[in-house]
Amino acid sequence: MLCFVTGGAGFIGSHVVRELLKRNYKVRILAQGNEPLFRVTDLPVEIVKGDLLDLELLEKCVAGCDYAFHLAAIHKQWMADYTLMYRVNIEGTRNVMAACLKEGIKRVVYTSTQNVIGFNSQGPADENTPFLDYKRSSHYTKSKYLAEQEVLKFAEKGLDVIIVNPSGPFGEGDTGPTGQLVLDFLHQKIPFYFDGWFNVIDVRDLAIGHLLALEKGRKGERYIMGGRDLSIKEFFALLEKLSGIPSPKFRLPKEIALCLGIVLEFIADHLTHRPPKMSVDRVQQRSRKKLLNVQKAIALGLPQTPIEDSLQRSIDWYRQHDSKGL
């Protein structure tokens, strides 16, 4: 059986591709024209260079496929102009779903984010917790929320589609925001921490979760793919234990962290035009104790690898590849 995977050369996507190959699926990947392919160069896959905004190309890509995974998206905390992010994440998602519907794909797995799962002040949030934070969310979160609404529209049209909502994945091969956190820690570029929480998952578990969604998920439903809830202080303590590098000891109050985020965003917008090391949205998201109920995905069989294993692989990978500029 042939699977089409957008974002298959990316961090999560490449692990999904490897899991598909283990289960004897054939794989066709869509990669951006200038996208690095180091994660998949050793894999027996078909790679198509292209763009999510090219509907005609997408129709050709999904033709002859049995299943599709749509992981590709622009995931950045800051951009000088967010227009392309909205186009790729929303219009691109609409194009993928339209192509899959037209070509009769049996099932599509769409990768959303836990960011669009609502906050539950009384306990862990689940797939039905309403998302009420749109106005104060980052552009990335807004774009993913709107993209998810597009996916649900296609489900109403008859497309068999499953939505997975991952938490923060860690493991080898990560050059994105989560991996940058580990890399900054290893380079001792994190001078402080603030009180905050986030959920973490092993990227290999997340890849298996995508396959479980394909094979066992219920049409039109969402599955939070997460693992362990950690405080930021606990997270850095684990990195210290595993790497031997001291964690930041200075605790920055939330109010000061927010002010610093405002200042750094202003500098990025008007002076450096480079991503700030801290954003207001990131402080707001992590400074409240948002816990996740992942039992629905666990019921499918989602593994729960100890995060220590995931972080150790991430640390080892960065120490091996950091000098290569990957």
C-alpha atoms as a PDB file:
ATOM      1  CA  MET A   1       0.000   0.000   0.000  1.00  0.00           C
ATOM      2  CA  LEU A   2       1.266   3.465  -0.928  1.00  0.00           C
ATOM      3  CA  CYS A   3       1.170   6.407   1.496  1.00  0.00           C
ATOM      4  CA  PHE A   4       1.605  10.067   0.601  1.00  0.00           C
ATOM      5  CA  VAL A   5       3.315  12.114   3.327  1.00  0.00           C
ATOM      6  CA  THR A   6       3.603  15.895   3.273  1.00  0.00           C
ATOM      7  CA  GLY A   7       6.394  17.086   5.540  1.00  0.00           C
ATOM      8  CA  GLY A   8       7.928  13.612   5.344  1.00  0.00           C
ATOM      9  CA  ALA A   9      11.447  15.036   5.367  1.00  0.00           C
ATOM     10  CA  GLY A  10      10.803  16.995   8.563  1.00  0.00           C
ATOM     11  CA  PHE A  11      11.407  16.051  12.184  1.00  0.00           C
ATOM     12  CA  ILE A  12       8.107  14.342  12.995  1.00  0.00           C
ATOM     13  CA  GLY A  13       7.383  13.407   9.397  1.00  0.00           C
ATOM     14  CA  SER A  14      10.644  11.509   8.907  1.00  0.00           C
ATOM     15  CA  HIS A  15       9.887   9.391  11.963  1.00  0.00           C
ATOM     16  CA  VAL A  16       6.402   8.696  10.592  1.00  0.00           C
ATOM     17  CA  VAL A  17       8.000   7.654   7.301  1.00  0.00           C
ATOM     18  CA  ARG A  18      10.386   5.286   9.094  1.00  0.00           C
ATOM     19  CA  GLU A  19       7.482   3.739  10.990  1.00  0.00           C
ATOM     20  CA  LEU A  20       5.539   3.286   7.750  1.00  0.00           C
ATOM     21  CA  LEU A  21       8.503   1.535   6.147  1.00  0.00           C
ATOM     22  CA  LYS A  22       8.829  -0.791   9.158  1.00  0.00           C
ATOM     23  CA  ARG A  23       5.249  -1.863   8.511  1.00  0.00           C
ATOM     24  CA  ASN A  24       5.937  -2.461   4.822  1.00  0.00           C
ATOM     25  CA  TYR A  25       4.081   0.551   3.461  1.00  0.00           C
ATOM     26  CA  LYS A  26       5.496   2.235   0.380  1.00  0.00           C
ATOM     27  CA  VAL A  27       6.005   5.977   0.803  1.00  0.00           C
ATOM     28  CA  ARG A  28       5.882   9.056  -1.403  1.00  0.00           C
ATOM     29  CA  ILE A  29       7.080  12.297   0.215  1.00  0.00           C
ATOM     30  CA  LEU A  30       6.345  15.900  -0.698  1.00  0.00           C
ATOM     31  CA  ALA A  31       9.265  18.174   0.210  1.00  0.00           C
ATOM     32  CA  GLN A  32       9.780  21.890  -0.351  1.00  0.00           C
ATOM     33  CA  GLY A  33      12.262  22.745  -3.087  1.00  0.00           C
ATOM     34  CA  ASN A  34      14.973  23.961  -0.691  1.00  0.00           C
ATOM     35  CA  GLU A  35      14.113  21.665   2.223  1.00  0.00           C
ATOM     36  CA  PRO A  36      17.014  19.674   3.763  1.00  0.00           C
ATOM     37  CA  LEU A  37      16.661  15.946   3.100  1.00  0.00           C
ATOM     38  CA  PHE A  38      19.291  14.610   5.521  1.00  0.00           C
ATOM     39  CA  ARG A  39      16.668  12.789   7.620  1.00  0.00           C
ATOM     40  CA  VAL A  40      15.467  10.655   4.699  1.00  0.00           C
ATOM     41  CA  THR A  41      18.410  10.301   2.311  1.00  0.00           C
ATOM     42  CA  ASP A  42      19.011   6.701   3.427  1.00  0.00           C
ATOM     43  CA  LEU A  43      15.372   5.655   3.063  1.00  0.00           C
ATOM     44  CA  PRO A  44      13.740   3.836   0.108  1.00  0.00           C
ATOM     45  CA  VAL A  45      11.122   6.498  -0.577  1.00  0.00           C
ATOM     46  CA  GLU A  46       9.935   8.527  -3.546  1.00  0.00           C
ATOM     47  CA  ILE A  47      10.586  12.237  -3.037  1.00  0.00           C
ATOM     48  CA  VAL A  48       8.591  14.853  -4.931  1.00  0.00           C
ATOM     49  CA  LYS A  49       9.704  18.466  -4.726  1.00  0.00           C
ATOM     50  CA  GLY A  50       6.790  20.848  -4.589  1.00  0.00           C
ATOM     51  CA  ASP A  51       4.494  23.242  -2.819  1.00  0.00           C
ATOM     52  CA  LEU A  52       1.305  22.832  -0.794  1.00  0.00           C
ATOM     53  CA  LEU A  53      -0.165  25.762  -2.702  1.00  0.00           C
ATOM     54  CA  ASP A  54       0.054  23.819  -5.988  1.00  0.00           C
ATOM     55  CA  LEU A  55      -3.254  21.939  -6.072  1.00  0.00           C
ATOM     56  CA  GLU A  56      -2.566  20.335  -9.451  1.00  0.00           C
ATOM     57  CA  LEU A  57       0.720  18.886  -8.174  1.00  0.00           C
ATOM     58  CA  LEU A  58      -0.957  17.595  -5.025  1.00  0.00           C
ATOM     59  CA  GLU A  59      -3.576  15.782  -7.092  1.00  0.00           C
ATOM     60  CA  LYS A  60      -0.779  14.089  -9.036  1.00  0.00           C
ATOM     61  CA  CYS A  61       1.007  13.190  -5.815  1.00  0.00           C
ATOM     62  CA  VAL A  62      -1.978  11.502  -4.194  1.00  0.00           C
ATOM     63  CA  ALA A  63      -3.054   9.711  -7.371  1.00  0.00           C
ATOM     64  CA  GLY A  64      -2.522   5.995  -6.873  1.00  0.00           C
ATOM     65  CA  CYS A  65      -2.046   6.322  -3.109  1.00  0.00           C
ATOM     66  CA  ASP A  66      -4.099   4.465  -0.542  1.00  0.00           C
ATOM     67  CA  TYR A  67      -3.523   6.759   2.443  1.00  0.00           C
ATOM     68  CA  ALA A  68      -2.166  10.229   3.199  1.00  0.00           C
ATOM     69  CA  PHE A  69      -0.498  11.951   6.132  1.00  0.00           C
ATOM     70  CA  HIS A  70      -0.486  15.741   6.141  1.00  0.00           C
ATOM     71  CA  LEU A  71       2.244  17.006   8.471  1.00  0.00           C
ATOM     72  CA  ALA A  72       3.745  19.892   6.485  1.00  0.00           C
ATOM     73  CA  ALA A  73       3.311  23.354   7.983  1.00  0.00           C
ATOM     74  CA  ILE A  74       5.254  26.496   8.756  1.00  0.00           C
ATOM     75  CA  HIS A  75       6.002  26.334  12.477  1.00  0.00           C
ATOM     76  CA  LYS A  76       7.686  29.514  13.650  1.00  0.00           C
ATOM     77  CA  GLN A  77       7.159  31.651  16.724  1.00  0.00           C
ATOM     78  CA  TRP A  78       8.107  34.809  14.855  1.00  0.00           C
ATOM     79  CA  MET A  79       8.100  36.004  11.241  1.00  0.00           C
ATOM     80  CA  ALA A  80       8.459  39.477   9.784  1.00  0.00           C
ATOM     81  CA  ASP A  81       5.357  38.749   7.699  1.00  0.00           C
ATOM     82  CA  TYR A  82       2.954  35.947   8.617  1.00  0.00           C
ATOM     83  CA  THR A  83       1.065  35.946   5.313  1.00  0.00           C
ATOM     84  CA  LEU A  84       2.881  32.907   3.970  1.00  0.00           C
ATOM     85  CA  MET A  85       2.314  30.993   7.220  1.00  0.00           C
ATOM     86  CA  TYR A  86      -1.444  31.466   6.960  1.00  0.00           C
ATOM     87  CA  ARG A  87      -1.448  30.545   3.264  1.00  0.00           C
ATOM     88  CA  VAL A  88       0.606  27.389   3.691  1.00  0.00           C
ATOM     89  CA  ASN A  89      -1.020  26.197   6.897  1.00  0.00           C
ATOM     90  CA  ILE A  90      -4.630  26.928   5.906  1.00  0.00           C
ATOM     91  CA  GLU A  91      -4.844  27.068   2.114  1.00  0.00           C
ATOM     92  CA  GLY A  92      -2.228  24.314   1.831  1.00  0.00           C
ATOM     93  CA  THR A  93      -4.235  22.093   4.164  1.00  0.00           C
ATOM     94  CA  ARG A  94      -7.388  22.795   2.181  1.00  0.00           C
ATOM     95  CA  ASN A  95      -5.559  21.798  -1.005  1.00  0.00           C
ATOM     96  CA  VAL A  96      -4.305  18.524   0.474  1.00  0.00           C
ATOM     97  CA  MET A  97      -7.771  17.596   1.704  1.00  0.00           C
ATOM     98  CA  ALA A  98      -9.357  18.544  -1.629  1.00  0.00           C
ATOM     99  CA  ALA A  99      -6.846  16.438  -3.552  1.00  0.00           C
ATOM    100  CA  CYS A 100      -7.396  13.467  -1.238  1.00  0.00           C
ATOM    101  CA  LEU A 101     -11.165  13.736  -1.566  1.00  0.00           C
ATOM    102  CA  LYS A 102     -10.977  14.004  -5.349  1.00  0.00           C
ATOM    103  CA  GLU A 103      -8.602  11.047  -5.709  1.00  0.00           C
ATOM    104  CA  GLY A 104     -10.528   8.814  -3.325  1.00  0.00           C
ATOM    105  CA  ILE A 105      -7.873   8.403  -0.634  1.00  0.00           C
ATOM    106  CA  LYS A 106      -9.086   5.803   1.873  1.00  0.00           C
ATOM    107  CA  ARG A 107      -7.987   7.697   4.983  1.00  0.00           C
ATOM    108  CA  VAL A 108      -6.061  10.875   5.832  1.00  0.00           C
ATOM    109  CA  VAL A 109      -4.229  11.618   9.082  1.00  0.00           C
ATOM    110  CA  TYR A 110      -3.853  15.337   9.716  1.00  0.00           C
ATOM    111  CA  THR A 111      -1.229  16.584  12.181  1.00  0.00           C
ATOM    112  CA  SER A 112      -2.562  19.533  14.169  1.00  0.00           C
ATOM    113  CA  THR A 113      -1.175  20.664  17.550  1.00  0.00           C
ATOM    114  CA  GLN A 114      -2.079  20.525  21.225  1.00  0.00           C
ATOM    115  CA  ASN A 115      -2.036  24.332  21.107  1.00  0.00           C
ATOM    116  CA  VAL A 116      -5.608  24.234  19.789  1.00  0.00           C
ATOM    117  CA  ILE A 117      -6.794  22.046  22.647  1.00  0.00           C
ATOM    118  CA  GLY A 118      -8.512  24.249  25.198  1.00  0.00           C
ATOM    119  CA  PHE A 119      -7.272  24.983  28.721  1.00  0.00           C
ATOM    120  CA  ASN A 120      -8.988  23.269  31.655  1.00  0.00           C
ATOM    121  CA  SER A 121      -8.326  25.020  34.965  1.00  0.00           C
ATOM    122  CA  GLN A 122      -9.901  22.099  36.847  1.00  0.00           C
ATOM    123  CA  GLY A 123      -7.595  19.387  35.532  1.00  0.00           C
ATOM    124  CA  PRO A 124      -6.207  17.808  32.351  1.00  0.00           C
ATOM    125  CA  ALA A 125      -7.710  19.006  29.069  1.00  0.00           C
ATOM    126  CA  ASP A 126      -9.057  16.434  26.630  1.00  0.00           C
ATOM    127  CA  GLU A 127     -10.140  16.414  22.984  1.00  0.00           C
ATOM    128  CA  ASN A 128     -13.476  18.024  23.857  1.00  0.00           C
ATOM    129  CA  THR A 129     -12.136  20.912  25.948  1.00  0.00           C
ATOM    130  CA  PRO A 130     -13.226  24.058  24.059  1.00  0.00           C
ATOM    131  CA  PHE A 131     -10.516  26.296  22.633  1.00  0.00           C
ATOM    132  CA  LEU A 132     -11.247  29.841  23.831  1.00  0.00           C
ATOM    133  CA  ASP A 133      -7.823  31.468  23.385  1.00  0.00           C
ATOM    134  CA  TYR A 134      -7.877  32.315  19.680  1.00  0.00           C
ATOM    135  CA  LYS A 135      -7.561  36.089  20.058  1.00  0.00           C
ATOM    136  CA  ARG A 136      -4.510  35.969  22.316  1.00  0.00           C
ATOM    137  CA  SER A 137      -2.789  33.056  20.566  1.00  0.00           C
ATOM    138  CA  SER A 138       0.277  33.161  18.346  1.00  0.00           C
ATOM    139  CA  HIS A 139      -0.085  33.342  14.585  1.00  0.00           C
ATOM    140  CA  TYR A 140       1.062  29.727  14.372  1.00  0.00           C
ATOM    141  CA  THR A 141      -1.671  28.573  16.750  1.00  0.00           C
ATOM    142  CA  LYS A 142      -4.284  30.664  14.941  1.00  0.00           C
ATOM    143  CA  SER A 143      -3.263  29.241  11.580  1.00  0.00           C
ATOM    144  CA  LYS A 144      -3.378  25.676  12.889  1.00  0.00           C
ATOM    145  CA  TYR A 145      -6.774  26.240  14.479  1.00  0.00           C
ATOM    146  CA  LEU A 146      -8.183  27.554  11.204  1.00  0.00           C
ATOM    147  CA  ALA A 147      -6.541  24.695   9.319  1.00  0.00           C
ATOM    148  CA  GLU A 148      -8.185  22.196  11.640  1.00  0.00           C
ATOM    149  CA  GLN A 149     -11.552  23.770  10.902  1.00  0.00           C
ATOM    150  CA  GLU A 150     -10.886  23.219   7.186  1.00  0.00           C
ATOM    151  CA  VAL A 151     -10.151  19.562   7.878  1.00  0.00           C
ATOM    152  CA  LEU A 152     -13.414  19.164   9.772  1.00  0.00           C
ATOM    153  CA  LYS A 153     -15.297  20.647   6.827  1.00  0.00           C
ATOM    154  CA  PHE A 154     -13.869  17.956   4.573  1.00  0.00           C
ATOM    155  CA  ALA A 155     -14.860  15.320   7.113  1.00  0.00           C
ATOM    156  CA  GLU A 156     -18.429  16.592   6.741  1.00  0.00           C
ATOM    157  CA  LYS A 157     -18.057  16.190   2.968  1.00  0.00           C
ATOM    158  CA  GLY A 158     -17.262  12.516   3.438  1.00  0.00           C
ATOM    159  CA  LEU A 159     -13.458  12.464   3.627  1.00  0.00           C
ATOM    160  CA  ASP A 160     -12.245   9.835   6.102  1.00  0.00           C
ATOM    161  CA  VAL A 161      -9.841  11.952   8.123  1.00  0.00           C
ATOM    162  CA  ILE A 162      -8.348  11.647  11.606  1.00  0.00           C
ATOM    163  CA  ILE A 163      -6.791  14.565  13.517  1.00  0.00           C
ATOM    164  CA  VAL A 164      -3.830  14.089  15.832  1.00  0.00           C
ATOM    165  CA  ASN A 165      -2.866  16.844  18.282  1.00  0.00           C
ATOM    166  CA  PRO A 166       0.760  16.315  19.349  1.00  0.00           C
ATOM    167  CA  SER A 167       2.375  17.840  22.413  1.00  0.00           C
ATOM    168  CA  GLY A 168       6.083  18.754  22.414  1.00  0.00           C
ATOM    169  CA  PRO A 169       8.094  15.996  20.701  1.00  0.00           C
ATOM    170  CA  PHE A 170      11.718  15.254  21.573  1.00  0.00           C
ATOM    171  CA  GLY A 171      14.267  12.923  20.056  1.00  0.00           C
ATOM    172  CA  GLU A 172      16.925  12.710  17.387  1.00  0.00           C
ATOM    173  CA  GLY A 173      16.749  14.865  14.275  1.00  0.00           C
ATOM    174  CA  ASP A 174      14.976  17.896  15.740  1.00  0.00           C
ATOM    175  CA  THR A 175      16.081  21.261  14.343  1.00  0.00           C
ATOM    176  CA  GLY A 176      12.818  23.031  15.223  1.00  0.00           C
ATOM    177  CA  PRO A 177      11.657  24.995  18.277  1.00  0.00           C
ATOM    178  CA  THR A 178      11.713  22.045  20.710  1.00  0.00           C
ATOM    179  CA  GLY A 179      15.142  20.953  19.575  1.00  0.00           C
ATOM    180  CA  GLN A 180      16.424  24.521  19.760  1.00  0.00           C
ATOM    181  CA  LEU A 181      15.528  24.517  23.442  1.00  0.00           C
ATOM    182  CA  VAL A 182      17.803  21.522  23.993  1.00  0.00           C
ATOM    183  CA  LEU A 183      20.562  23.028  21.849  1.00  0.00           C
ATOM    184  CA  ASP A 184      20.418  26.353  23.703  1.00  0.00           C
ATOM    185  CA  PHE A 185      20.663  24.441  26.979  1.00  0.00           C
ATOM    186  CA  LEU A 186      23.727  22.526  25.766  1.00  0.00           C
ATOM    187  CA  HIS A 187      25.322  25.823  24.719  1.00  0.00           C
ATOM    188  CA  GLN A 188      24.414  27.325  28.116  1.00  0.00           C
ATOM    189  CA  LYS A 189      22.368  30.079  26.491  1.00  0.00           C
ATOM    190  CA  ILE A 190      19.450  29.833  28.937  1.00  0.00           C
ATOM    191  CA  PRO A 191      20.232  32.118  31.888  1.00  0.00           C
ATOM    192  CA  PHE A 192      16.923  31.703  33.754  1.00  0.00           C
ATOM    193  CA  TYR A 193      13.644  29.840  33.930  1.00  0.00           C
ATOM    194  CA  PHE A 194      10.108  30.826  34.850  1.00  0.00           C
ATOM    195  CA  ASP A 195       7.322  28.832  36.446  1.00  0.00           C
ATOM    196  CA  GLY A 196       5.612  26.971  33.639  1.00  0.00           C
ATOM    197  CA  TRP A 197       4.483  23.616  32.372  1.00  0.00           C
ATOM    198  CA  PHE A 198       4.299  21.700  29.129  1.00  0.00           C
ATOM    199  CA  ASN A 199       3.637  18.173  27.931  1.00  0.00           C
ATOM    200  CA  VAL A 200       6.372  16.170  26.207  1.00  0.00           C
ATOM    201  CA  ILE A 201       6.346  13.046  24.048  1.00  0.00           C
ATOM    202  CA  ASP A 202       8.992  10.856  22.459  1.00  0.00           C
ATOM    203  CA  VAL A 203       8.982  11.532  18.709  1.00  0.00           C
ATOM    204  CA  ARG A 204       9.094   7.794  18.015  1.00  0.00           C
ATOM    205  CA  ASP A 205       5.982   7.307  20.127  1.00  0.00           C
ATOM    206  CA  LEU A 206       4.363  10.148  18.204  1.00  0.00           C
ATOM    207  CA  ALA A 207       5.193   8.448  14.911  1.00  0.00           C
ATOM    208  CA  ILE A 208       3.638   5.219  16.151  1.00  0.00           C
ATOM    209  CA  GLY A 209       0.630   7.271  17.233  1.00  0.00           C
ATOM    210  CA  HIS A 210       0.152   8.453  13.656  1.00  0.00           C
ATOM    211  CA  LEU A 211       0.071   4.854  12.465  1.00  0.00           C
ATOM    212  CA  LEU A 212      -2.350   3.920  15.237  1.00  0.00           C
ATOM    213  CA  ALA A 213      -4.614   6.770  14.135  1.00  0.00           C
ATOM    214  CA  LEU A 214      -4.475   5.448  10.567  1.00  0.00           C
ATOM    215  CA  GLU A 215      -5.179   1.857  11.511  1.00  0.00           C
ATOM    216  CA  LYS A 216      -7.441   2.167  14.565  1.00  0.00           C
ATOM    217  CA  GLY A 217      -8.705   5.765  14.814  1.00  0.00           C
ATOM    218  CA  ARG A 218     -12.344   6.726  14.442  1.00  0.00           C
ATOM    219  CA  LYS A 219     -13.300   8.823  11.441  1.00  0.00           C
ATOM    220  CA  GLY A 220     -13.551  12.565  12.110  1.00  0.00           C
ATOM    221  CA  GLU A 221     -12.138  12.384  15.649  1.00  0.00           C
ATOM    222  CA  ARG A 222      -9.180  14.015  17.379  1.00  0.00           C
ATOM    223  CA  TYR A 223      -6.479  12.305  19.420  1.00  0.00           C
ATOM    224  CA  ILE A 224      -4.134  14.151  21.764  1.00  0.00           C
ATOM    225  CA  MET A 225      -0.733  12.540  21.274  1.00  0.00           C
ATOM    226  CA  GLY A 226       1.154  13.343  24.444  1.00  0.00           C
ATOM    227  CA  GLY A 227       3.257  11.864  27.189  1.00  0.00           C
ATOM    228  CA  ARG A 228       4.431  13.405  30.439  1.00  0.00           C
ATOM    229  CA  ASP A 229       3.514  16.763  31.948  1.00  0.00           C
ATOM    230  CA  LEU A 230       6.640  18.550  33.174  1.00  0.00           C
ATOM    231  CA  SER A 231       7.424  21.852  34.802  1.00  0.00           C
ATOM    232  CA  ILE A 232      10.099  23.898  33.071  1.00  0.00           C
ATOM    233  CA  LYS A 233      12.277  23.540  36.169  1.00  0.00           C
ATOM    234  CA  GLU A 234      11.899  19.734  36.078  1.00  0.00           C
ATOM    235  CA  PHE A 235      12.690  19.712  32.354  1.00  0.00           C
ATOM    236  CA  PHE A 236      15.943  21.599  32.835  1.00  0.00           C
ATOM    237  CA  ALA A 237      16.821  19.382  35.805  1.00  0.00           C
ATOM    238  CA  LEU A 238      16.488  16.328  33.558  1.00  0.00           C
ATOM    239  CA  LEU A 239      18.707  17.924  30.926  1.00  0.00           C
ATOM    240  CA  GLU A 240      21.289  18.674  33.621  1.00  0.00           C
ATOM    241  CA  LYS A 241      21.235  15.072  34.854  1.00  0.00           C
ATOM    242  CA  LEU A 242      21.571  13.646  31.341  1.00  0.00           C
ATOM    243  CA  SER A 243      24.086  16.101  29.883  1.00  0.00           C
ATOM    244  CA  GLY A 244      26.181  17.084  32.888  1.00  0.00           C
ATOM    245  CA  ILE A 245      25.586  20.754  32.074  1.00  0.00           C
ATOM    246  CA  PRO A 246      24.190  22.852  34.943  1.00  0.00           C
ATOM    247  CA  SER A 247      20.607  24.021  34.616  1.00  0.00           C
ATOM    248  CA  PRO A 248      19.654  27.682  35.121  1.00  0.00           C
ATOM    249  CA  LYS A 249      19.124  28.466  38.793  1.00  0.00           C
ATOM    250  CA  PHE A 250      17.629  31.958  38.506  1.00  0.00           C
ATOM    251  CA  ARG A 251      13.834  32.014  38.532  1.00  0.00           C
ATOM    252  CA  LEU A 252      12.327  34.925  36.601  1.00  0.00           C
ATOM    253  CA  PRO A 253       8.850  36.016  37.758  1.00  0.00           C
ATOM    254  CA  LYS A 254       6.142  35.632  35.123  1.00  0.00           C
ATOM    255  CA  GLU A 255       5.449  39.369  34.987  1.00  0.00           C
ATOM    256  CA  ILE A 256       9.079  40.157  34.201  1.00  0.00           C
ATOM    257  CA  ALA A 257       9.233  37.315  31.661  1.00  0.00           C
ATOM    258  CA  LEU A 258       6.215  38.804  29.883  1.00  0.00           C
ATOM    259  CA  CYS A 259       7.819  42.258  29.835  1.00  0.00           C
ATOM    260  CA  LEU A 260      11.024  40.763  28.489  1.00  0.00           C
ATOM    261  CA  GLY A 261       9.023  38.992  25.776  1.00  0.00           C
ATOM    262  CA  ILE A 262       7.431  42.297  24.753  1.00  0.00           C
ATOM    263  CA  VAL A 263      10.825  44.004  24.564  1.00  0.00           C
ATOM    264  CA  LEU A 264      12.437  41.184  22.596  1.00  0.00           C
ATOM    265  CA  GLU A 265       9.535  41.057  20.133  1.00  0.00           C
ATOM    266  CA  PHE A 266       9.799  44.832  19.623  1.00  0.00           C
ATOM    267  CA  ILE A 267      13.520  44.508  18.927  1.00  0.00           C
ATOM    268  CA  ALA A 268      12.856  41.674  16.467  1.00  0.00           C
ATOM    269  CA  ASP A 269      10.077  43.595  14.686  1.00  0.00           C
ATOM    270  CA  HIS A 270      11.869  46.922  14.382  1.00  0.00           C
ATOM    271  CA  LEU A 271      15.616  46.339  14.667  1.00  0.00           C
ATOM    272  CA  THR A 272      17.105  42.882  14.153  1.00  0.00           C
ATOM    273  CA  HIS A 273      14.330  41.274  12.065  1.00  0.00           C
ATOM    274  CA  ARG A 274      15.412  37.978  13.581  1.00  0.00           C
ATOM    275  CA  PRO A 275      13.373  35.637  15.826  1.00  0.00           C
ATOM    276  CA  PRO A 276      13.429  36.669  19.503  1.00  0.00           C
ATOM    277  CA  LYS A 277      14.683  34.228  22.106  1.00  0.00           C
ATOM    278  CA  MET A 278      11.447  34.665  24.053  1.00  0.00           C
ATOM    279  CA  SER A 279       7.930  35.515  22.896  1.00  0.00           C
ATOM    280  CA  VAL A 280       4.894  36.747  24.798  1.00  0.00           C
ATOM    281  CA  ASP A 281       2.837  33.836  23.493  1.00  0.00           C
ATOM    282  CA  ARG A 282       5.374  31.276  24.705  1.00  0.00           C
ATOM    283  CA  VAL A 283       5.411  32.788  28.196  1.00  0.00           C
ATOM    284  CA  GLN A 284       1.605  32.929  28.316  1.00  0.00           C
ATOM    285  CA  GLN A 285       1.241  29.335  27.121  1.00  0.00           C
ATOM    286  CA  ARG A 286       3.739  27.826  29.499  1.00  0.00           C
ATOM    287  CA  SER A 287       3.135  29.946  32.570  1.00  0.00           C
ATOM    288  CA  ARG A 288      -0.241  28.354  33.187  1.00  0.00           C
ATOM    289  CA  LYS A 289      -0.442  24.710  34.188  1.00  0.00           C
ATOM    290  CA  LYS A 290      -2.036  23.234  31.078  1.00  0.00           C
ATOM    291  CA  LEU A 291      -2.187  19.472  31.597  1.00  0.00           C
ATOM    292  CA  LEU A 292      -3.243  17.002  28.912  1.00  0.00           C
ATOM    293  CA  ASN A 293      -5.409  13.897  29.148  1.00  0.00           C
ATOM    294  CA  VAL A 294      -3.891  11.450  26.651  1.00  0.00           C
ATOM    295  CA  GLN A 295      -5.965   8.413  27.607  1.00  0.00           C
ATOM    296  CA  LYS A 296      -7.870   8.363  24.314  1.00  0.00           C
ATOM    297  CA  ALA A 297      -4.619   7.904  22.384  1.00  0.00           C
ATOM    298  CA  ILE A 298      -3.259   5.440  24.945  1.00  0.00           C
ATOM    299  CA  ALA A 299      -6.404   3.376  24.373  1.00  0.00           C
ATOM    300  CA  LEU A 300      -5.307   3.076  20.741  1.00  0.00           C
ATOM    301  CA  GLY A 301      -1.943   1.782  21.950  1.00  0.00           C
ATOM    302  CA  LEU A 302       0.156   4.972  22.101  1.00  0.00           C
ATOM    303  CA  PRO A 303       3.466   4.097  23.845  1.00  0.00           C
ATOM    304  CA  GLN A 304       4.727   6.142  26.771  1.00  0.00           C
ATOM    305  CA  THR A 305       8.507   6.001  26.499  1.00  0.00           C
ATOM    306  CA  PRO A 306      10.240   7.673  29.469  1.00  0.00           C
ATOM    307  CA  ILE A 307      11.140  11.230  28.472  1.00  0.00           C
ATOM    308  CA  GLU A 308      14.642  10.628  29.845  1.00  0.00           C
ATOM    309  CA  ASP A 309      15.247   8.257  26.908  1.00  0.00           C
ATOM    310  CA  SER A 310      13.946  10.816  24.403  1.00  0.00           C
ATOM    311  CA  LEU A 311      16.071  13.641  25.794  1.00  0.00           C
ATOM    312  CA  GLN A 312      19.179  11.462  25.906  1.00  0.00           C
ATOM    313  CA  ARG A 313      18.783  10.652  22.207  1.00  0.00           C
ATOM    314  CA  SER A 314      18.220  14.325  21.470  1.00  0.00           C
ATOM    315  CA  ILE A 315      21.348  15.333  23.417  1.00  0.00           C
ATOM    316  CA  ASP A 316      23.452  12.625  21.756  1.00  0.00           C
ATOM    317  CA  TRP A 317      22.204  13.587  18.290  1.00  0.00           C
ATOM    318  CA  TYR A 318      22.992  17.260  18.790  1.00  0.00           C
ATOM    319  CA  ARG A 319      26.445  16.517  20.135  1.00  0.00           C
ATOM    320  CA  GLN A 320      27.112  14.440  17.024  1.00  0.00           C
ATOM    321  CA  HIS A 321      25.614  16.820  14.457  1.00  0.00           C
ATOM    322  CA  ASP A 322      25.837  20.318  15.936  1.00  0.00           C
ATOM    323  CA  SER A 323      29.202  21.049  14.338  1.00  0.00           C
ATOM    324  CA  LYS A 324      27.784  20.089  10.941  1.00  0.00           C
ATOM    325  CA  GLY A 325      25.262  22.928  11.080  1.00  0.00           C
ATOM    326  CA  LEU A 326      22.176  20.737  10.673  1.00  0.00           C
END
